[in-house]
């Protein structure tokens, strides 16, 4: 199945792309750049799944559970940072062959990015709370 210029023009980008001028390396760069945040999010969700498995076993304060939550938070934040970082690279890669005056460098931070970063920070705080809970749990076990 071939991709037509008409179907590509339906893709809304915040910069103008002349699709007739795009070379193979630009296609590959575009695919690789847009895949990076998704890959980081998939890794984050894998850690979240492993965390839920720990929780179903009743191990809320285990070192493994705390580690999985920390890693989930870190990869979620990485995914968000990558979303912000790829837009300038993507805009340059896809418009570099445009005529002079039609090349773009787009820098964009959207509300969605800030929201996801806030969620990641909240999970970092929860990780710290779990670490403190584990410390208290360990102290209580020593008294008994």
N, C-alpha and C. Protein backbone atom coordinates (compact mmCIF):
# COMPACT_ATOMS: atom_id res chain seq x y z
N UNK A 1 0.85 -1.17 0.00
CA UNK A 1 0.00 0.00 0.00
C UNK A 1 0.90 1.24 0.00
N UNK A 2 0.74 2.07 -0.96
CA UNK A 2 1.53 3.29 -1.08
C UNK A 2 0.86 4.43 -0.32
N UNK A 3 1.69 5.30 0.19
CA UNK A 3 1.19 6.49 0.88
C UNK A 3 1.20 7.62 -0.12
N UNK A 4 0.06 8.22 -0.31
CA UNK A 4 -0.04 9.31 -1.29
C UNK A 4 0.24 10.65 -0.61
N UNK A 5 0.59 11.64 -1.43
CA UNK A 5 0.81 12.98 -0.91
C UNK A 5 -0.47 13.54 -0.31
N UNK A 6 -1.61 13.15 -0.87
CA UNK A 6 -2.89 13.62 -0.35
C UNK A 6 -3.13 13.08 1.06
N UNK A 7 -2.83 11.79 1.29
CA UNK A 7 -3.04 11.24 2.62
C UNK A 7 -2.04 11.83 3.62
N UNK A 8 -0.83 12.17 3.16
CA UNK A 8 0.15 12.79 4.05
C UNK A 8 -0.25 14.20 4.43
N UNK A 9 -0.89 14.91 3.50
CA UNK A 9 -1.28 16.29 3.81
C UNK A 9 -2.40 16.33 4.85
N UNK A 10 -3.07 15.20 5.09
CA UNK A 10 -4.10 15.14 6.12
C UNK A 10 -3.49 15.12 7.52
N UNK A 11 -2.20 14.78 7.61
CA UNK A 11 -1.51 14.77 8.90
C UNK A 11 -1.24 16.22 9.30
N UNK A 12 -1.72 16.59 10.47
CA UNK A 12 -1.57 17.97 10.93
C UNK A 12 -0.28 18.12 11.74
N UNK A 13 0.66 18.85 11.19
CA UNK A 13 1.91 19.16 11.87
C UNK A 13 1.97 20.67 12.07
N UNK A 14 2.66 21.13 13.11
CA UNK A 14 2.73 22.57 13.34
C UNK A 14 3.74 23.28 12.44
N UNK A 15 4.13 22.64 11.36
CA UNK A 15 5.05 23.24 10.41
C UNK A 15 4.73 22.68 9.03
N UNK A 16 5.14 23.41 7.99
CA UNK A 16 4.83 23.01 6.62
C UNK A 16 5.89 22.05 6.10
N UNK A 17 5.42 20.92 5.57
CA UNK A 17 6.33 19.93 5.00
C UNK A 17 6.02 19.80 3.51
N UNK A 18 7.05 19.90 2.67
CA UNK A 18 6.90 19.66 1.24
C UNK A 18 7.23 18.19 1.02
N UNK A 19 6.18 17.36 0.91
CA UNK A 19 6.37 15.91 0.90
C UNK A 19 7.10 15.41 -0.34
N UNK A 20 7.06 16.16 -1.42
CA UNK A 20 7.77 15.73 -2.63
C UNK A 20 9.29 15.78 -2.45
N UNK A 21 9.76 16.57 -1.49
CA UNK A 21 11.20 16.74 -1.28
C UNK A 21 11.77 15.84 -0.19
N UNK A 22 10.94 15.04 0.47
CA UNK A 22 11.42 14.24 1.59
C UNK A 22 12.21 13.03 1.08
N UNK A 23 13.40 12.87 1.66
CA UNK A 23 14.26 11.75 1.30
C UNK A 23 14.09 10.61 2.30
N UNK A 24 14.67 9.46 1.97
CA UNK A 24 14.53 8.28 2.81
C UNK A 24 15.03 8.52 4.23
N UNK A 25 16.17 9.18 4.38
CA UNK A 25 16.71 9.42 5.72
C UNK A 25 15.75 10.26 6.55
N UNK A 26 15.00 11.17 5.89
CA UNK A 26 14.05 11.99 6.63
C UNK A 26 12.87 11.15 7.12
N UNK A 27 12.40 10.23 6.27
CA UNK A 27 11.33 9.33 6.69
C UNK A 27 11.78 8.50 7.89
N UNK A 28 12.99 7.94 7.77
CA UNK A 28 13.51 7.10 8.85
C UNK A 28 13.73 7.90 10.13
N UNK A 29 14.26 9.12 9.99
CA UNK A 29 14.46 9.98 11.16
C UNK A 29 13.12 10.32 11.80
N UNK A 30 12.13 10.62 10.98
CA UNK A 30 10.80 10.94 11.51
C UNK A 30 10.19 9.77 12.26
N UNK A 31 10.31 8.57 11.69
CA UNK A 31 9.76 7.39 12.36
C UNK A 31 10.50 7.10 13.66
N UNK A 32 11.83 7.19 13.62
CA UNK A 32 12.62 6.91 14.82
C UNK A 32 12.34 7.93 15.92
N UNK A 33 12.28 9.19 15.55
CA UNK A 33 12.03 10.23 16.55
C UNK A 33 10.66 10.09 17.20
N UNK A 34 9.65 9.81 16.40
CA UNK A 34 8.31 9.70 16.97
C UNK A 34 8.13 8.41 17.76
N UNK A 35 8.97 7.42 17.50
CA UNK A 35 8.86 6.15 18.24
C UNK A 35 9.51 6.22 19.62
N UNK A 36 10.45 7.13 19.82
CA UNK A 36 11.17 7.19 21.09
C UNK A 36 10.28 7.43 22.31
N UNK A 37 9.38 8.43 22.29
CA UNK A 37 8.52 8.61 23.47
C UNK A 37 7.59 7.43 23.71
N UNK A 38 7.14 6.81 22.63
CA UNK A 38 6.26 5.65 22.76
C UNK A 38 7.01 4.49 23.39
N UNK A 39 8.25 4.29 22.96
CA UNK A 39 9.07 3.23 23.54
C UNK A 39 9.29 3.46 25.04
N UNK A 40 9.60 4.68 25.41
CA UNK A 40 9.78 5.00 26.84
C UNK A 40 8.50 4.76 27.62
N UNK A 41 7.36 5.09 27.02
CA UNK A 41 6.08 4.87 27.70
C UNK A 41 5.78 3.38 27.85
N UNK A 42 6.12 2.59 26.84
CA UNK A 42 5.93 1.13 26.93
C UNK A 42 6.78 0.55 28.06
N UNK A 43 8.02 1.02 28.18
CA UNK A 43 8.88 0.55 29.26
C UNK A 43 8.28 0.95 30.61
N UNK A 44 7.77 2.18 30.70
CA UNK A 44 7.13 2.64 31.95
C UNK A 44 5.95 1.75 32.31
N UNK A 45 5.14 1.42 31.32
CA UNK A 45 3.96 0.59 31.59
C UNK A 45 4.37 -0.83 31.99
N UNK A 46 5.48 -1.31 31.47
CA UNK A 46 5.99 -2.62 31.88
C UNK A 46 6.34 -2.61 33.37
N UNK A 47 7.01 -1.56 33.81
CA UNK A 47 7.33 -1.44 35.24
C UNK A 47 6.07 -1.29 36.08
N UNK A 48 5.08 -0.58 35.57
CA UNK A 48 3.82 -0.44 36.29
C UNK A 48 3.14 -1.79 36.44
N UNK A 49 3.17 -2.60 35.40
CA UNK A 49 2.59 -3.94 35.46
C UNK A 49 3.30 -4.79 36.52
N UNK A 50 4.63 -4.72 36.54
CA UNK A 50 5.39 -5.46 37.55
C UNK A 50 5.08 -4.96 38.96
N UNK A 51 4.87 -3.66 39.09
CA UNK A 51 4.49 -3.10 40.39
C UNK A 51 3.14 -3.63 40.84
N UNK A 52 2.19 -3.70 39.92
CA UNK A 52 0.86 -4.21 40.27
C UNK A 52 0.94 -5.68 40.69
N UNK A 53 1.84 -6.45 40.07
CA UNK A 53 2.03 -7.84 40.49
C UNK A 53 2.54 -7.91 41.92
N UNK A 54 3.44 -7.01 42.28
CA UNK A 54 3.92 -6.96 43.67
C UNK A 54 2.77 -6.61 44.62
N UNK A 55 1.95 -5.67 44.21
CA UNK A 55 0.83 -5.25 45.06
C UNK A 55 -0.19 -6.37 45.23
N UNK A 56 -0.44 -7.15 44.18
CA UNK A 56 -1.40 -8.26 44.31
C UNK A 56 -0.89 -9.33 45.27
N UNK A 57 0.41 -9.40 45.46
CA UNK A 57 1.00 -10.35 46.41
C UNK A 57 1.03 -9.77 47.83
N UNK A 58 0.55 -8.54 47.98
CA UNK A 58 0.52 -7.90 49.29
C UNK A 58 1.84 -7.30 49.72
N UNK A 59 2.77 -7.15 48.79
CA UNK A 59 4.09 -6.62 49.11
C UNK A 59 4.14 -5.13 48.74
N UNK A 60 3.46 -4.32 49.55
CA UNK A 60 3.35 -2.90 49.26
C UNK A 60 4.63 -2.13 49.57
N UNK A 61 5.36 -2.58 50.57
CA UNK A 61 6.56 -1.86 51.00
C UNK A 61 7.85 -2.61 50.68
N UNK A 62 7.77 -3.59 49.78
CA UNK A 62 8.99 -4.34 49.44
C UNK A 62 9.94 -3.44 48.63
N UNK A 63 11.21 -3.77 48.72
CA UNK A 63 12.20 -3.02 47.95
C UNK A 63 11.91 -3.12 46.45
N UNK A 64 11.45 -4.29 46.03
CA UNK A 64 11.14 -4.48 44.62
C UNK A 64 9.98 -3.58 44.19
N UNK A 65 8.94 -3.48 45.01
CA UNK A 65 7.80 -2.62 44.68
C UNK A 65 8.22 -1.16 44.60
N UNK A 66 9.03 -0.74 45.55
CA UNK A 66 9.50 0.65 45.56
C UNK A 66 10.36 0.92 44.33
N UNK A 67 11.23 -0.03 43.99
CA UNK A 67 12.08 0.11 42.81
C UNK A 67 11.25 0.19 41.53
N UNK A 68 10.23 -0.65 41.43
CA UNK A 68 9.39 -0.65 40.22
C UNK A 68 8.64 0.67 40.09
N UNK A 69 8.14 1.21 41.21
CA UNK A 69 7.44 2.49 41.16
C UNK A 69 8.40 3.61 40.77
N UNK A 70 9.60 3.57 41.30
CA UNK A 70 10.60 4.58 40.95
C UNK A 70 10.93 4.51 39.45
N UNK A 71 11.14 3.30 38.95
CA UNK A 71 11.47 3.14 37.53
C UNK A 71 10.30 3.55 36.63
N UNK A 72 9.07 3.22 37.06
CA UNK A 72 7.90 3.66 36.31
C UNK A 72 7.87 5.19 36.22
N UNK A 73 8.09 5.85 37.34
CA UNK A 73 8.08 7.31 37.38
C UNK A 73 9.16 7.89 36.48
N UNK A 74 10.35 7.31 36.54
CA UNK A 74 11.47 7.81 35.74
C UNK A 74 11.20 7.66 34.25
N UNK A 75 10.68 6.51 33.84
CA UNK A 75 10.41 6.30 32.42
C UNK A 75 9.23 7.14 31.94
N UNK A 76 8.26 7.37 32.80
CA UNK A 76 7.14 8.26 32.44
C UNK A 76 7.66 9.68 32.23
N UNK A 77 8.52 10.13 33.10
CA UNK A 77 9.12 11.46 32.94
C UNK A 77 10.01 11.51 31.70
N UNK A 78 10.74 10.44 31.43
CA UNK A 78 11.58 10.38 30.22
C UNK A 78 10.73 10.44 28.96
N UNK A 79 9.60 9.75 28.96
CA UNK A 79 8.71 9.79 27.80
C UNK A 79 8.21 11.21 27.55
N UNK A 80 7.88 11.90 28.62
CA UNK A 80 7.40 13.28 28.50
C UNK A 80 8.51 14.20 28.00
N UNK A 81 9.70 14.04 28.54
CA UNK A 81 10.83 14.86 28.09
C UNK A 81 11.15 14.59 26.62
N UNK A 82 11.06 13.34 26.21
CA UNK A 82 11.32 13.00 24.81
C UNK A 82 10.27 13.62 23.89
N UNK A 83 9.01 13.65 24.32
CA UNK A 83 7.97 14.29 23.51
C UNK A 83 8.30 15.75 23.26
N UNK A 84 8.80 16.41 24.29
CA UNK A 84 9.15 17.83 24.15
C UNK A 84 10.40 17.99 23.28
N UNK A 85 11.37 17.12 23.46
CA UNK A 85 12.66 17.24 22.77
C UNK A 85 12.59 16.88 21.29
N UNK A 86 11.69 15.99 20.90
CA UNK A 86 11.70 15.56 19.50
C UNK A 86 11.08 16.57 18.55
N UNK A 87 10.19 17.43 19.03
CA UNK A 87 9.52 18.36 18.11
C UNK A 87 10.51 19.25 17.35
N UNK A 88 11.49 19.88 18.00
CA UNK A 88 12.44 20.67 17.22
C UNK A 88 13.24 19.81 16.23
N UNK A 89 13.67 18.63 16.67
CA UNK A 89 14.43 17.75 15.78
C UNK A 89 13.59 17.29 14.60
N UNK A 90 12.34 16.94 14.87
CA UNK A 90 11.44 16.49 13.82
C UNK A 90 11.15 17.61 12.83
N UNK A 91 10.92 18.82 13.33
CA UNK A 91 10.63 19.93 12.43
C UNK A 91 11.82 20.24 11.53
N UNK A 92 13.02 20.18 12.07
CA UNK A 92 14.21 20.43 11.25
C UNK A 92 14.40 19.30 10.24
N UNK A 93 14.26 18.06 10.69
CA UNK A 93 14.47 16.92 9.79
C UNK A 93 13.49 16.92 8.63
N UNK A 94 12.24 17.26 8.89
CA UNK A 94 11.23 17.18 7.83
C UNK A 94 11.16 18.43 6.95
N UNK A 95 11.75 19.54 7.38
CA UNK A 95 11.67 20.76 6.57
C UNK A 95 13.01 21.19 6.01
N UNK A 96 14.05 20.42 6.22
CA UNK A 96 15.38 20.84 5.79
C UNK A 96 15.48 20.96 4.27
N UNK A 97 14.69 20.19 3.53
CA UNK A 97 14.72 20.27 2.07
C UNK A 97 13.69 21.25 1.51
N UNK A 98 12.94 21.91 2.38
CA UNK A 98 11.99 22.93 1.91
C UNK A 98 12.78 24.09 1.31
N UNK A 99 12.13 24.87 0.45
CA UNK A 99 12.80 26.06 -0.08
C UNK A 99 13.17 27.03 1.04
N UNK A 100 14.15 27.87 0.78
CA UNK A 100 14.56 28.87 1.77
C UNK A 100 13.36 29.70 2.19
N UNK A 101 13.25 29.94 3.47
CA UNK A 101 12.12 30.71 4.00
C UNK A 101 10.97 29.83 4.45
N UNK A 102 10.97 28.56 4.05
CA UNK A 102 9.91 27.63 4.45
C UNK A 102 10.42 26.54 5.38
N UNK A 103 11.65 26.65 5.82
CA UNK A 103 12.19 25.70 6.79
C UNK A 103 11.75 26.13 8.18
N UNK A 104 11.61 25.15 9.06
CA UNK A 104 11.07 25.47 10.39
C UNK A 104 11.89 24.85 11.50
N UNK A 105 11.88 25.55 12.61
CA UNK A 105 12.37 25.02 13.89
C UNK A 105 11.25 25.30 14.88
N UNK A 106 10.55 24.25 15.27
CA UNK A 106 9.38 24.39 16.14
C UNK A 106 9.73 23.87 17.53
N UNK A 107 9.51 24.72 18.52
CA UNK A 107 9.67 24.33 19.92
C UNK A 107 8.29 24.45 20.56
N UNK A 108 7.84 23.37 21.18
CA UNK A 108 6.48 23.36 21.70
C UNK A 108 6.41 22.59 23.01
N UNK A 109 5.78 23.21 24.00
CA UNK A 109 5.47 22.53 25.25
C UNK A 109 3.97 22.68 25.44
N UNK A 110 3.28 21.56 25.42
CA UNK A 110 1.82 21.59 25.51
C UNK A 110 1.38 21.23 26.92
N UNK A 111 0.13 21.51 27.20
CA UNK A 111 -0.43 21.21 28.50
C UNK A 111 -0.35 19.73 28.84
N UNK A 112 -0.52 18.90 27.84
CA UNK A 112 -0.43 17.44 28.03
C UNK A 112 0.95 17.05 28.57
N UNK A 113 2.00 17.69 28.04
CA UNK A 113 3.36 17.40 28.50
C UNK A 113 3.54 17.80 29.96
N UNK A 114 3.03 18.96 30.32
CA UNK A 114 3.15 19.42 31.70
C UNK A 114 2.35 18.53 32.64
N UNK A 115 1.19 18.10 32.19
CA UNK A 115 0.33 17.22 32.99
C UNK A 115 1.03 15.89 33.26
N UNK A 116 1.62 15.30 32.22
CA UNK A 116 2.32 14.03 32.39
C UNK A 116 3.55 14.19 33.29
N UNK A 117 4.26 15.30 33.15
CA UNK A 117 5.41 15.54 34.02
C UNK A 117 4.96 15.67 35.47
N UNK A 118 3.83 16.33 35.70
CA UNK A 118 3.29 16.47 37.05
C UNK A 118 2.92 15.10 37.63
N UNK A 119 2.31 14.26 36.81
CA UNK A 119 1.95 12.91 37.26
C UNK A 119 3.21 12.13 37.63
N UNK A 120 4.25 12.23 36.82
CA UNK A 120 5.51 11.54 37.13
C UNK A 120 6.09 12.03 38.45
N UNK A 121 6.04 13.33 38.68
CA UNK A 121 6.56 13.88 39.94
C UNK A 121 5.73 13.38 41.12
N UNK A 122 4.41 13.30 40.95
CA UNK A 122 3.55 12.77 42.02
C UNK A 122 3.95 11.33 42.34
N UNK A 123 4.23 10.53 41.32
CA UNK A 123 4.65 9.15 41.57
C UNK A 123 6.02 9.09 42.25
N UNK A 124 6.90 10.05 41.95
CA UNK A 124 8.17 10.11 42.67
C UNK A 124 7.93 10.38 44.16
N UNK A 125 6.97 11.27 44.45
CA UNK A 125 6.62 11.56 45.85
C UNK A 125 6.05 10.31 46.52
N UNK A 126 5.18 9.59 45.81
CA UNK A 126 4.62 8.36 46.36
C UNK A 126 5.73 7.34 46.63
N UNK A 127 6.72 7.29 45.74
CA UNK A 127 7.86 6.41 45.95
C UNK A 127 8.57 6.75 47.26
N UNK A 128 8.75 8.03 47.49
CA UNK A 128 9.40 8.47 48.73
C UNK A 128 8.55 8.09 49.95
N UNK A 129 7.24 8.22 49.84
CA UNK A 129 6.34 7.83 50.94
C UNK A 129 6.45 6.34 51.21
N UNK A 130 6.51 5.53 50.14
CA UNK A 130 6.66 4.08 50.32
C UNK A 130 8.01 3.74 50.97
N UNK A 131 9.06 4.47 50.61
CA UNK A 131 10.36 4.23 51.25
C UNK A 131 10.28 4.52 52.75
N UNK A 132 9.61 5.60 53.10
CA UNK A 132 9.45 5.93 54.52
C UNK A 132 8.58 4.90 55.21
N UNK A 133 7.52 4.44 54.53
CA UNK A 133 6.67 3.39 55.09
C UNK A 133 7.45 2.11 55.33
N UNK A 134 8.33 1.79 54.41
CA UNK A 134 9.17 0.58 54.58
C UNK A 134 10.09 0.74 55.78
N UNK A 135 10.65 1.92 55.94
CA UNK A 135 11.54 2.17 57.08
C UNK A 135 10.78 2.01 58.39
N UNK A 136 9.58 2.56 58.46
CA UNK A 136 8.76 2.45 59.67
C UNK A 136 8.36 1.00 59.90
N UNK A 137 8.00 0.30 58.83
CA UNK A 137 7.61 -1.12 58.94
C UNK A 137 8.78 -1.95 59.47
N UNK A 138 9.98 -1.67 59.00
CA UNK A 138 11.17 -2.38 59.46
C UNK A 138 11.44 -2.09 60.94
N UNK A 139 11.29 -0.83 61.34
CA UNK A 139 11.48 -0.47 62.74
C UNK A 139 10.46 -1.17 63.63
N UNK A 140 9.21 -1.22 63.19
CA UNK A 140 8.17 -1.89 63.98
C UNK A 140 8.43 -3.38 64.10
N UNK A 141 8.96 -3.99 63.06
CA UNK A 141 9.26 -5.42 63.10
C UNK A 141 10.38 -5.71 64.10
N UNK A 142 11.29 -4.77 64.28
CA UNK A 142 12.39 -4.96 65.23
C UNK A 142 11.89 -4.91 66.68
N UNK A 143 10.82 -4.16 66.94
CA UNK A 143 10.29 -4.04 68.29
C UNK A 143 9.57 -5.31 68.73
N UNK A 144 9.04 -6.04 67.77
CA UNK A 144 8.24 -7.23 68.08
C UNK A 144 9.11 -8.40 68.28
